[in-house]
Each structure stands twice: as C-alpha cells, then as structure tokens.
C-alpha cells in the first residue's frame, strides 16, 4: 500500500478551524461597507475566505446590534424561540408521561 498517492489518504495535520473575535469581524465588515473595499480584496488582505467575509457582511446587515454574539452566546430572538420550543417539548413529554395506556390510546 506504499504508493506515491498515499499522502492523499492521511488527514491534514495542524488544520484547525480558525476563530475570529467580534472586533475582527466588525472591522472586516467596515472595510467592505464603509471604506468601499471589495469583498474579494478585503478577504485576501485579511486571509479569510471570500464567502466567509460575505456571510459576515450579510449577518451584520440583518441585525447590526446583535451580529456576532460570540462563542456560546445566542441572539435574543433565538433565545426566545428556544424557550418556546423547550416549553412545547416539556408539555408534550408531560402528556405522554401521564398517558395510562399504550401511546395510541392517548394520541387523540
């Protein structure tokens, strides 16, 4: 199995997902939106993929105040919808928990 193509079967060593601070993203977006630098040029200058930068610009445009909330943080709107979903799931669980017989007997 020692072929010249063996290197293609090994996983890349040292390839890790890069993380960018909120400040970095805001400055990158500012380059494109306020300073008129093209997304392609700004992406090359900042060493990020152009699609990533375009996503940041779009996210900032949708909600500038809550854009880039940070690792482990949620936007307020996402937090509210998550709470509603959890409440709904708990109610469904409680209905099934209190069901005396087979599940099909309580389904109606």
PDB file of N, CA and C in Angstrom:
ATOM      1  N   UNK A   1       0.834  -1.198   0.000  1.00  0.00           N
ATOM      2  CA  UNK A   1       0.000   0.000   0.000  1.00  0.00           C
ATOM      3  C   UNK A   1       0.869   1.248   0.000  1.00  0.00           C
ATOM      4  N   UNK A   2       2.119   1.100  -0.271  1.00  0.00           N
ATOM      5  CA  UNK A   2       3.024   2.245  -0.254  1.00  0.00           C
ATOM      6  C   UNK A   2       3.122   2.824  -1.664  1.00  0.00           C
ATOM      7  N   UNK A   3       2.151   3.625  -2.020  1.00  0.00           N
ATOM      8  CA  UNK A   3       2.141   4.235  -3.343  1.00  0.00           C
ATOM      9  C   UNK A   3       2.490   5.703  -3.236  1.00  0.00           C
ATOM     10  N   UNK A   4       2.709   6.308  -4.368  1.00  0.00           N
ATOM     11  CA  UNK A   4       3.038   7.731  -4.356  1.00  0.00           C
ATOM     12  C   UNK A   4       1.834   8.598  -3.991  1.00  0.00           C
ATOM     13  N   UNK A   5       0.640   8.026  -3.981  1.00  0.00           N
ATOM     14  CA  UNK A   5      -0.571   8.778  -3.631  1.00  0.00           C
ATOM     15  C   UNK A   5      -0.972   8.602  -2.174  1.00  0.00           C
ATOM     16  N   UNK A   6      -0.181   7.907  -1.412  1.00  0.00           N
ATOM     17  CA  UNK A   6      -0.508   7.636  -0.025  1.00  0.00           C
ATOM     18  C   UNK A   6      -0.738   8.922   0.773  1.00  0.00           C
ATOM     19  N   UNK A   7      -0.055   9.990   0.423  1.00  0.00           N
ATOM     20  CA  UNK A   7      -0.186  11.241   1.165  1.00  0.00           C
ATOM     21  C   UNK A   7      -1.608  11.793   1.110  1.00  0.00           C
ATOM     22  N   UNK A   8      -2.389  11.417   0.095  1.00  0.00           N
ATOM     23  CA  UNK A   8      -3.756  11.910  -0.014  1.00  0.00           C
ATOM     24  C   UNK A   8      -4.702  11.213   0.954  1.00  0.00           C
ATOM     25  N   UNK A   9      -4.278  10.093   1.506  1.00  0.00           N
ATOM     26  CA  UNK A   9      -5.141   9.341   2.406  1.00  0.00           C
ATOM     27  C   UNK A   9      -4.953   9.757   3.857  1.00  0.00           C
ATOM     28  N   UNK A  10      -3.910  10.492   4.162  1.00  0.00           N
ATOM     29  CA  UNK A  10      -3.664  10.910   5.530  1.00  0.00           C
ATOM     30  C   UNK A  10      -4.422  12.205   5.820  1.00  0.00           C
ATOM     31  N   UNK A  11      -4.980  12.317   7.014  1.00  0.00           N
ATOM     32  CA  UNK A  11      -5.643  13.585   7.351  1.00  0.00           C
ATOM     33  C   UNK A  11      -4.608  14.693   7.503  1.00  0.00           C
ATOM     34  N   UNK A  12      -5.021  15.888   7.197  1.00  0.00           N
ATOM     35  CA  UNK A  12      -4.133  17.034   7.338  1.00  0.00           C
ATOM     36  C   UNK A  12      -3.783  17.247   8.804  1.00  0.00           C
ATOM     37  N   UNK A  13      -2.530  17.402   9.064  1.00  0.00           N
ATOM     38  CA  UNK A  13      -2.076  17.652  10.421  1.00  0.00           C
ATOM     39  C   UNK A  13      -2.016  19.160  10.619  1.00  0.00           C
ATOM     40  N   UNK A  14      -2.561  19.618  11.724  1.00  0.00           N
ATOM     41  CA  UNK A  14      -2.488  21.034  12.028  1.00  0.00           C
ATOM     42  C   UNK A  14      -3.604  21.868  11.443  1.00  0.00           C
ATOM     43  N   UNK A  15      -4.523  21.266  10.723  1.00  0.00           N
ATOM     44  CA  UNK A  15      -5.650  22.027  10.175  1.00  0.00           C
ATOM     45  C   UNK A  15      -6.701  22.169  11.266  1.00  0.00           C
ATOM     46  N   UNK A  16      -6.876  23.365  11.752  1.00  0.00           N
ATOM     47  CA  UNK A  16      -7.866  23.634  12.786  1.00  0.00           C
ATOM     48  C   UNK A  16      -8.756  24.763  12.318  1.00  0.00           C
ATOM     49  N   UNK A  17      -9.942  24.769  12.811  1.00  0.00           N
ATOM     50  CA  UNK A  17     -10.875  25.841  12.482  1.00  0.00           C
ATOM     51  C   UNK A  17     -10.412  27.116  13.178  1.00  0.00           C
ATOM     52  N   UNK A  18     -10.296  28.167  12.403  1.00  0.00           N
ATOM     53  CA  UNK A  18      -9.878  29.441  12.995  1.00  0.00           C
ATOM     54  C   UNK A  18     -11.080  30.138  13.598  1.00  0.00           C
ATOM     55  N   UNK A  19     -10.839  30.848  14.683  1.00  0.00           N
ATOM     56  CA  UNK A  19     -11.893  31.629  15.336  1.00  0.00           C
ATOM     57  C   UNK A  19     -11.509  33.099  15.250  1.00  0.00           C
ATOM     58  N   UNK A  20     -12.517  33.923  15.009  1.00  0.00           N
ATOM     59  CA  UNK A  20     -12.287  35.351  14.873  1.00  0.00           C
ATOM     60  C   UNK A  20     -13.096  36.087  15.933  1.00  0.00           C
ATOM     61  N   UNK A  21     -12.507  37.100  16.500  1.00  0.00           N
ATOM     62  CA  UNK A  21     -13.207  37.880  17.518  1.00  0.00           C
ATOM     63  C   UNK A  21     -14.290  38.731  16.865  1.00  0.00           C
ATOM     64  N   UNK A  22     -15.206  39.183  17.684  1.00  0.00           N
ATOM     65  CA  UNK A  22     -16.270  40.070  17.208  1.00  0.00           C
ATOM     66  C   UNK A  22     -15.661  41.343  16.625  1.00  0.00           C
ATOM     67  N   UNK A  23     -14.638  41.868  17.289  1.00  0.00           N
ATOM     68  CA  UNK A  23     -13.990  43.095  16.822  1.00  0.00           C
ATOM     69  C   UNK A  23     -13.376  42.905  15.441  1.00  0.00           C
ATOM     70  N   UNK A  24     -12.736  41.756  15.217  1.00  0.00           N
ATOM     71  CA  UNK A  24     -12.137  41.477  13.916  1.00  0.00           C
ATOM     72  C   UNK A  24     -13.208  41.450  12.837  1.00  0.00           C
ATOM     73  N   UNK A  25     -14.320  40.765  13.122  1.00  0.00           N
ATOM     74  CA  UNK A  25     -15.406  40.675  12.144  1.00  0.00           C
ATOM     75  C   UNK A  25     -16.001  42.048  11.850  1.00  0.00           C
ATOM     76  N   UNK A  26     -16.185  42.852  12.892  1.00  0.00           N
ATOM     77  CA  UNK A  26     -16.740  44.194  12.689  1.00  0.00           C
ATOM     78  C   UNK A  26     -15.813  45.050  11.833  1.00  0.00           C
ATOM     79  N   UNK A  27     -14.516  44.963  12.074  1.00  0.00           N
ATOM     80  CA  UNK A  27     -13.560  45.729  11.269  1.00  0.00           C
ATOM     81  C   UNK A  27     -13.549  45.228   9.822  1.00  0.00           C
ATOM     82  N   UNK A  28     -13.665  43.920   9.638  1.00  0.00           N
ATOM     83  CA  UNK A  28     -13.699  43.356   8.288  1.00  0.00           C
ATOM     84  C   UNK A  28     -14.938  43.848   7.537  1.00  0.00           C
ATOM     85  N   UNK A  29     -16.070  43.851   8.221  1.00  0.00           N
ATOM     86  CA  UNK A  29     -17.320  44.331   7.609  1.00  0.00           C
ATOM     87  C   UNK A  29     -17.208  45.814   7.293  1.00  0.00           C
ATOM     88  N   UNK A  30     -16.589  46.564   8.183  1.00  0.00           N
ATOM     89  CA  UNK A  30     -16.421  48.005   7.977  1.00  0.00           C
ATOM     90  C   UNK A  30     -15.588  48.283   6.723  1.00  0.00           C
ATOM     91  N   UNK A  31     -14.568  47.446   6.482  1.00  0.00           N
ATOM     92  CA  UNK A  31     -13.757  47.617   5.266  1.00  0.00           C
ATOM     93  C   UNK A  31     -14.631  47.569   4.022  1.00  0.00           C
ATOM     94  N   UNK A  32     -15.557  46.621   4.007  1.00  0.00           N
ATOM     95  CA  UNK A  32     -16.399  46.422   2.821  1.00  0.00           C
ATOM     96  C   UNK A  32     -17.508  47.460   2.750  1.00  0.00           C
ATOM     97  N   UNK A  33     -18.195  47.683   3.855  1.00  0.00           N
ATOM     98  CA  UNK A  33     -19.377  48.544   3.831  1.00  0.00           C
ATOM     99  C   UNK A  33     -19.067  50.030   3.845  1.00  0.00           C
ATOM    100  N   UNK A  34     -18.079  50.442   4.631  1.00  0.00           N
ATOM    101  CA  UNK A  34     -17.837  51.878   4.796  1.00  0.00           C
ATOM    102  C   UNK A  34     -16.660  52.384   3.966  1.00  0.00           C
ATOM    103  N   UNK A  35     -15.659  51.566   3.819  1.00  0.00           N
ATOM    104  CA  UNK A  35     -14.470  52.036   3.107  1.00  0.00           C
ATOM    105  C   UNK A  35     -14.472  51.680   1.630  1.00  0.00           C
ATOM    106  N   UNK A  36     -15.464  50.906   1.200  1.00  0.00           N
ATOM    107  CA  UNK A  36     -15.617  50.608  -0.212  1.00  0.00           C
ATOM    108  C   UNK A  36     -14.643  49.590  -0.779  1.00  0.00           C
ATOM    109  N   UNK A  37     -13.960  48.853   0.069  1.00  0.00           N
ATOM    110  CA  UNK A  37     -13.056  47.810  -0.407  1.00  0.00           C
ATOM    111  C   UNK A  37     -13.909  46.631  -0.860  1.00  0.00           C
ATOM    112  N   UNK A  38     -13.558  46.034  -1.988  1.00  0.00           N
ATOM    113  CA  UNK A  38     -14.340  44.892  -2.461  1.00  0.00           C
ATOM    114  C   UNK A  38     -14.183  43.734  -1.485  1.00  0.00           C
ATOM    115  N   UNK A  39     -15.204  42.893  -1.429  1.00  0.00           N
ATOM    116  CA  UNK A  39     -15.161  41.738  -0.531  1.00  0.00           C
ATOM    117  C   UNK A  39     -13.999  40.821  -0.899  1.00  0.00           C
ATOM    118  N   UNK A  40     -13.747  40.673  -2.185  1.00  0.00           N
ATOM    119  CA  UNK A  40     -12.651  39.809  -2.627  1.00  0.00           C
ATOM    120  C   UNK A  40     -11.305  40.348  -2.148  1.00  0.00           C
ATOM    121  N   UNK A  41     -11.087  41.642  -2.311  1.00  0.00           N
ATOM    122  CA  UNK A  41      -9.817  42.236  -1.904  1.00  0.00           C
ATOM    123  C   UNK A  41      -9.654  42.206  -0.378  1.00  0.00           C
ATOM    124  N   UNK A  42     -10.713  42.548   0.341  1.00  0.00           N
ATOM    125  CA  UNK A  42     -10.654  42.534   1.802  1.00  0.00           C
ATOM    126  C   UNK A  42     -10.381  41.123   2.312  1.00  0.00           C
ATOM    127  N   UNK A  43     -10.999  40.133   1.695  1.00  0.00           N
ATOM    128  CA  UNK A  43     -10.788  38.743   2.100  1.00  0.00           C
ATOM    129  C   UNK A  43      -9.329  38.341   1.881  1.00  0.00           C
ATOM    130  N   UNK A  44      -8.756  38.734   0.761  1.00  0.00           N
ATOM    131  CA  UNK A  44      -7.333  38.428   0.512  1.00  0.00           C
ATOM    132  C   UNK A  44      -6.455  39.126   1.535  1.00  0.00           C
ATOM    133  N   UNK A  45      -6.738  40.391   1.793  1.00  0.00           N
ATOM    134  CA  UNK A  45      -5.920  41.164   2.739  1.00  0.00           C
ATOM    135  C   UNK A  45      -5.983  40.589   4.151  1.00  0.00           C
ATOM    136  N   UNK A  46      -7.156  40.088   4.529  1.00  0.00           N
ATOM    137  CA  UNK A  46      -7.357  39.584   5.888  1.00  0.00           C
ATOM    138  C   UNK A  46      -7.101  38.084   6.017  1.00  0.00           C
ATOM    139  N   UNK A  47      -6.825  37.438   4.902  1.00  0.00           N
ATOM    140  CA  UNK A  47      -6.562  35.993   4.874  1.00  0.00           C
ATOM    141  C   UNK A  47      -7.764  35.197   5.385  1.00  0.00           C
ATOM    142  N   UNK A  48      -8.946  35.562   4.891  1.00  0.00           N
ATOM    143  CA  UNK A  48     -10.152  34.783   5.151  1.00  0.00           C
ATOM    144  C   UNK A  48     -10.782  34.460   3.802  1.00  0.00           C
ATOM    145  N   UNK A  49     -11.605  33.441   3.768  1.00  0.00           N
ATOM    146  CA  UNK A  49     -12.270  33.082   2.521  1.00  0.00           C
ATOM    147  C   UNK A  49     -13.310  34.146   2.185  1.00  0.00           C
ATOM    148  N   UNK A  50     -13.417  34.441   0.925  1.00  0.00           N
ATOM    149  CA  UNK A  50     -14.346  35.494   0.487  1.00  0.00           C
ATOM    150  C   UNK A  50     -15.785  35.191   0.907  1.00  0.00           C
ATOM    151  N   UNK A  51     -16.193  33.928   0.834  1.00  0.00           N
ATOM    152  CA  UNK A  51     -17.560  33.578   1.232  1.00  0.00           C
ATOM    153  C   UNK A  51     -17.798  33.822   2.719  1.00  0.00           C
ATOM    154  N   UNK A  52     -16.785  33.623   3.539  1.00  0.00           N
ATOM    155  CA  UNK A  52     -16.903  33.877   4.974  1.00  0.00           C
ATOM    156  C   UNK A  52     -17.130  35.368   5.206  1.00  0.00           C
ATOM    157  N   UNK A  53     -16.346  36.184   4.529  1.00  0.00           N
ATOM    158  CA  UNK A  53     -16.499  37.629   4.681  1.00  0.00           C
ATOM    159  C   UNK A  53     -17.873  38.091   4.202  1.00  0.00           C
ATOM    160  N   UNK A  54     -18.322  37.565   3.084  1.00  0.00           N
ATOM    161  CA  UNK A  54     -19.656  37.933   2.585  1.00  0.00           C
ATOM    162  C   UNK A  54     -20.742  37.532   3.586  1.00  0.00           C
ATOM    163  N   UNK A  55     -20.583  36.379   4.242  1.00  0.00           N
ATOM    164  CA  UNK A  55     -21.535  35.936   5.266  1.00  0.00           C
ATOM    165  C   UNK A  55     -21.544  36.909   6.432  1.00  0.00           C
ATOM    166  N   UNK A  56     -20.370  37.384   6.843  1.00  0.00           N
ATOM    167  CA  UNK A  56     -20.289  38.352   7.932  1.00  0.00           C
ATOM    168  C   UNK A  56     -21.004  39.646   7.557  1.00  0.00           C
ATOM    169  N   UNK A  57     -20.799  40.110   6.326  1.00  0.00           N
ATOM    170  CA  UNK A  57     -21.445  41.347   5.857  1.00  0.00           C
ATOM    171  C   UNK A  57     -22.961  41.172   5.874  1.00  0.00           C
ATOM    172  N   UNK A  58     -23.434  40.016   5.415  1.00  0.00           N
ATOM    173  CA  UNK A  58     -24.872  39.740   5.381  1.00  0.00           C
ATOM    174  C   UNK A  58     -25.438  39.672   6.803  1.00  0.00           C
ATOM    175  N   UNK A  59     -24.734  38.990   7.690  1.00  0.00           N
ATOM    176  CA  UNK A  59     -25.196  38.872   9.083  1.00  0.00           C
ATOM    177  C   UNK A  59     -25.249  40.231   9.760  1.00  0.00           C
ATOM    178  N   UNK A  60     -24.243  41.062   9.514  1.00  0.00           N
ATOM    179  CA  UNK A  60     -24.226  42.402  10.091  1.00  0.00           C
ATOM    180  C   UNK A  60     -25.372  43.237   9.531  1.00  0.00           C
ATOM    181  N   UNK A  61     -25.631  43.110   8.235  1.00  0.00           N
ATOM    182  CA  UNK A  61     -26.715  43.864   7.597  1.00  0.00           C
ATOM    183  C   UNK A  61     -28.085  43.487   8.142  1.00  0.00           C
ATOM    184  N   UNK A  62     -28.260  42.228   8.532  1.00  0.00           N
ATOM    185  CA  UNK A  62     -29.550  41.759   9.030  1.00  0.00           C
ATOM    186  C   UNK A  62     -29.835  42.273  10.443  1.00  0.00           C
ATOM    187  N   UNK A  63     -28.803  42.359  11.284  1.00  0.00           N
ATOM    188  CA  UNK A  63     -29.002  42.785  12.674  1.00  0.00           C
ATOM    189  C   UNK A  63     -27.687  43.318  13.233  1.00  0.00           C
ATOM    190  N   UNK A  64     -27.363  44.583  12.966  1.00  0.00           N
ATOM    191  CA  UNK A  64     -26.064  45.126  13.382  1.00  0.00           C
ATOM    192  C   UNK A  64     -25.806  45.076  14.885  1.00  0.00           C
ATOM    193  N   UNK A  65     -26.841  45.259  15.683  1.00  0.00           N
ATOM    194  CA  UNK A  65     -26.658  45.307  17.130  1.00  0.00           C
ATOM    195  C   UNK A  65     -26.280  43.939  17.694  1.00  0.00           C
ATOM    196  N   UNK A  66     -26.935  42.894  17.197  1.00  0.00           N
ATOM    197  CA  UNK A  66     -26.718  41.559  17.748  1.00  0.00           C
ATOM    198  C   UNK A  66     -25.858  40.672  16.853  1.00  0.00           C
ATOM    199  N   UNK A  67     -25.223  41.231  15.846  1.00  0.00           N
ATOM    200  CA  UNK A  67     -24.368  40.426  14.970  1.00  0.00           C
ATOM    201  C   UNK A  67     -23.151  39.942  15.744  1.00  0.00           C
ATOM    202  N   UNK A  68     -22.729  38.734  15.463  1.00  0.00           N
ATOM    203  CA  UNK A  68     -21.531  38.135  16.058  1.00  0.00           C
ATOM    204  C   UNK A  68     -21.606  38.110  17.585  1.00  0.00           C
ATOM    205  N   UNK A  69     -22.572  37.410  18.163  1.00  0.00           N
ATOM    206  CA  UNK A  69     -22.729  37.430  19.616  1.00  0.00           C
ATOM    207  C   UNK A  69     -21.601  36.754  20.379  1.00  0.00           C
ATOM    208  N   UNK A  70     -20.822  35.933  19.736  1.00  0.00           N
ATOM    209  CA  UNK A  70     -19.709  35.294  20.433  1.00  0.00           C
ATOM    210  C   UNK A  70     -19.954  33.825  20.688  1.00  0.00           C
ATOM    211  N   UNK A  71     -18.918  33.142  21.076  1.00  0.00           N
ATOM    212  CA  UNK A  71     -18.981  31.708  21.311  1.00  0.00           C
ATOM    213  C   UNK A  71     -19.874  31.407  22.517  1.00  0.00           C
ATOM    214  N   UNK A  72     -20.875  30.552  22.292  1.00  0.00           N
ATOM    215  CA  UNK A  72     -21.759  30.172  23.381  1.00  0.00           C
ATOM    216  C   UNK A  72     -22.867  31.163  23.657  1.00  0.00           C
ATOM    217  N   UNK A  73     -22.939  32.238  22.912  1.00  0.00           N
ATOM    218  CA  UNK A  73     -23.968  33.258  23.115  1.00  0.00           C
ATOM    219  C   UNK A  73     -25.057  33.075  22.063  1.00  0.00           C
ATOM    220  N   UNK A  74     -26.249  33.507  22.390  1.00  0.00           N
ATOM    221  CA  UNK A  74     -27.355  33.447  21.436  1.00  0.00           C
ATOM    222  C   UNK A  74     -27.951  34.835  21.275  1.00  0.00           C
ATOM    223  N   UNK A  75     -28.462  35.089  20.090  1.00  0.00           N
ATOM    224  CA  UNK A  75     -29.189  36.325  19.864  1.00  0.00           C
ATOM    225  C   UNK A  75     -30.472  36.264  20.680  1.00  0.00           C
ATOM    226  N   UNK A  76     -30.982  37.410  21.126  1.00  0.00           N
ATOM    227  CA  UNK A  76     -32.218  37.398  21.928  1.00  0.00           C
ATOM    228  C   UNK A  76     -33.379  36.702  21.227  1.00  0.00           C
ATOM    229  N   UNK A  77     -33.518  36.896  19.920  1.00  0.00           N
ATOM    230  CA  UNK A  77     -34.627  36.261  19.201  1.00  0.00           C
ATOM    231  C   UNK A  77     -34.474  34.742  19.207  1.00  0.00           C
ATOM    232  N   UNK A  78     -33.256  34.248  19.076  1.00  0.00           N
ATOM    233  CA  UNK A  78     -33.021  32.805  19.122  1.00  0.00           C
ATOM    234  C   UNK A  78     -33.296  32.265  20.516  1.00  0.00           C
ATOM    235  N   UNK A  79     -32.936  33.038  21.516  1.00  0.00           N
ATOM    236  CA  UNK A  79     -33.154  32.624  22.903  1.00  0.00           C
ATOM    237  C   UNK A  79     -34.642  32.467  23.182  1.00  0.00           C
ATOM    238  N   UNK A  80     -35.459  33.426  22.683  1.00  0.00           N
ATOM    239  CA  UNK A  80     -36.909  33.359  22.898  1.00  0.00           C
ATOM    240  C   UNK A  80     -37.504  32.145  22.192  1.00  0.00           C
ATOM    241  N   UNK A  81     -37.097  31.912  20.952  1.00  0.00           N
ATOM    242  CA  UNK A  81     -37.662  30.780  20.221  1.00  0.00           C
ATOM    243  C   UNK A  81     -37.222  29.465  20.857  1.00  0.00           C
ATOM    244  N   UNK A  82     -36.011  29.418  21.396  1.00  0.00           N
ATOM    245  CA  UNK A  82     -35.539  28.213  22.079  1.00  0.00           C
ATOM    246  C   UNK A  82     -36.385  27.944  23.320  1.00  0.00           C
ATOM    247  N   UNK A  83     -36.706  28.999  24.081  1.00  0.00           N
ATOM    248  CA  UNK A  83     -37.538  28.836  25.278  1.00  0.00           C
ATOM    249  C   UNK A  83     -38.928  28.313  24.920  1.00  0.00           C
ATOM    250  N   UNK A  84     -39.502  28.868  23.835  1.00  0.00           N
ATOM    251  CA  UNK A  84     -40.824  28.406  23.397  1.00  0.00           C
ATOM    252  C   UNK A  84     -40.783  26.929  23.006  1.00  0.00           C
ATOM    253  N   UNK A  85     -39.742  26.552  22.288  1.00  0.00           N
ATOM    254  CA  UNK A  85     -39.624  25.160  21.854  1.00  0.00           C
ATOM    255  C   UNK A  85     -39.445  24.223  23.048  1.00  0.00           C
ATOM    256  N   UNK A  86     -38.640  24.617  24.023  1.00  0.00           N
ATOM    257  CA  UNK A  86     -38.440  23.798  25.215  1.00  0.00           C
ATOM    258  C   UNK A  86     -39.758  23.644  25.971  1.00  0.00           C
ATOM    259  N   UNK A  87     -40.514  24.726  26.109  1.00  0.00           N
ATOM    260  CA  UNK A  87     -41.804  24.663  26.802  1.00  0.00           C
ATOM    261  C   UNK A  87     -42.756  23.713  26.077  1.00  0.00           C
ATOM    262  N   UNK A  88     -42.778  23.777  24.750  1.00  0.00           N
ATOM    263  CA  UNK A  88     -43.652  22.903  23.953  1.00  0.00           C
ATOM    264  C   UNK A  88     -43.239  21.441  24.142  1.00  0.00           C
ATOM    265  N   UNK A  89     -41.948  21.161  24.082  1.00  0.00           N
ATOM    266  CA  UNK A  89     -41.472  19.790  24.243  1.00  0.00           C
ATOM    267  C   UNK A  89     -41.767  19.250  25.642  1.00  0.00           C
ATOM    268  N   UNK A  90     -41.646  20.094  26.666  1.00  0.00           N
ATOM    269  CA  UNK A  90     -41.960  19.661  28.022  1.00  0.00           C
ATOM    270  C   UNK A  90     -43.443  19.328  28.140  1.00  0.00           C
ATOM    271  N   UNK A  91     -44.298  20.145  27.528  1.00  0.00           N
ATOM    272  CA  UNK A  91     -45.739  19.886  27.568  1.00  0.00           C
ATOM    273  C   UNK A  91     -46.058  18.567  26.870  1.00  0.00           C
ATOM    274  N   UNK A  92     -45.450  18.321  25.721  1.00  0.00           N
ATOM    275  CA  UNK A  92     -45.670  17.061  25.011  1.00  0.00           C
ATOM    276  C   UNK A  92     -45.185  15.878  25.842  1.00  0.00           C
ATOM    277  N   UNK A  93     -44.029  16.036  26.472  1.00  0.00           N
ATOM    278  CA  UNK A  93     -43.481  14.974  27.314  1.00  0.00           C
ATOM    279  C   UNK A  93     -44.423  14.672  28.475  1.00  0.00           C
ATOM    280  N   UNK A  94     -44.955  15.726  29.113  1.00  0.00           N
ATOM    281  CA  UNK A  94     -45.849  15.540  30.247  1.00  0.00           C
ATOM    282  C   UNK A  94     -47.137  14.839  29.829  1.00  0.00           C
ATOM    283  N   UNK A  95     -47.648  15.156  28.660  1.00  0.00           N
ATOM    284  CA  UNK A  95     -48.857  14.484  28.158  1.00  0.00           C
ATOM    285  C   UNK A  95     -48.581  12.996  28.005  1.00  0.00           C
ATOM    286  N   UNK A  96     -47.450  12.657  27.392  1.00  0.00           N
ATOM    287  CA  UNK A  96     -47.122  11.245  27.182  1.00  0.00           C
ATOM    288  C   UNK A  96     -46.809  10.544  28.509  1.00  0.00           C
ATOM    289  N   UNK A  97     -46.214  11.272  29.421  1.00  0.00           N
ATOM    290  CA  UNK A  97     -45.867  10.690  30.723  1.00  0.00           C
ATOM    291  C   UNK A  97     -47.127  10.317  31.500  1.00  0.00           C
ATOM    292  N   UNK A  98     -48.193  11.101  31.367  1.00  0.00           N
ATOM    293  CA  UNK A  98     -49.433  10.881  32.094  1.00  0.00           C
ATOM    294  C   UNK A  98     -50.388   9.950  31.389  1.00  0.00           C
ATOM    295  N   UNK A  99     -50.007   9.461  30.260  1.00  0.00           N
ATOM    296  CA  UNK A  99     -50.857   8.559  29.472  1.00  0.00           C
ATOM    297  C   UNK A  99     -50.932   7.194  30.161  1.00  0.00           C
ATOM    298  N   UNK A 100     -52.151   6.706  30.500  1.00  0.00           N
ATOM    299  CA  UNK A 100     -52.249   5.467  31.257  1.00  0.00           C
ATOM    300  C   UNK A 100     -51.979   4.206  30.438  1.00  0.00           C
ATOM    301  N   UNK A 101     -52.252   4.224  29.149  1.00  0.00           N
ATOM    302  CA  UNK A 101     -52.129   3.004  28.359  1.00  0.00           C
ATOM    303  C   UNK A 101     -51.134   3.154  27.234  1.00  0.00           C
ATOM    304  N   UNK A 102     -51.323   2.345  26.202  1.00  0.00           N
ATOM    305  CA  UNK A 102     -50.444   2.441  25.042  1.00  0.00           C
ATOM    306  C   UNK A 102     -50.509   3.843  24.430  1.00  0.00           C
ATOM    307  N   UNK A 103     -49.480   4.220  23.742  1.00  0.00           N
ATOM    308  CA  UNK A 103     -49.403   5.570  23.186  1.00  0.00           C
ATOM    309  C   UNK A 103     -50.555   5.897  22.247  1.00  0.00           C
ATOM    310  N   UNK A 104     -51.007   4.935  21.480  1.00  0.00           N
ATOM    311  CA  UNK A 104     -52.090   5.245  20.534  1.00  0.00           C
ATOM    312  C   UNK A 104     -53.402   5.551  21.242  1.00  0.00           C
ATOM    313  N   UNK A 105     -53.537   5.141  22.493  1.00  0.00           N
ATOM    314  CA  UNK A 105     -54.777   5.420  23.226  1.00  0.00           C
ATOM    315  C   UNK A 105     -54.860   6.897  23.644  1.00  0.00           C
ATOM    316  N   UNK A 106     -53.724   7.565  23.783  1.00  0.00           N
ATOM    317  CA  UNK A 106     -53.703   8.972  24.210  1.00  0.00           C
ATOM    318  C   UNK A 106     -53.504   9.932  23.047  1.00  0.00           C
ATOM    319  N   UNK A 107     -53.323   9.436  21.862  1.00  0.00           N
ATOM    320  CA  UNK A 107     -52.963  10.278  20.736  1.00  0.00           C
ATOM    321  C   UNK A 107     -54.102  11.187  20.309  1.00  0.00           C
ATOM    322  N   UNK A 108     -55.289  10.926  20.641  1.00  0.00           N
ATOM    323  CA  UNK A 108     -56.404  11.711  20.145  1.00  0.00           C
ATOM    324  C   UNK A 108     -56.891  12.722  21.031  1.00  0.00           C
TER     325      UNK A 108
END
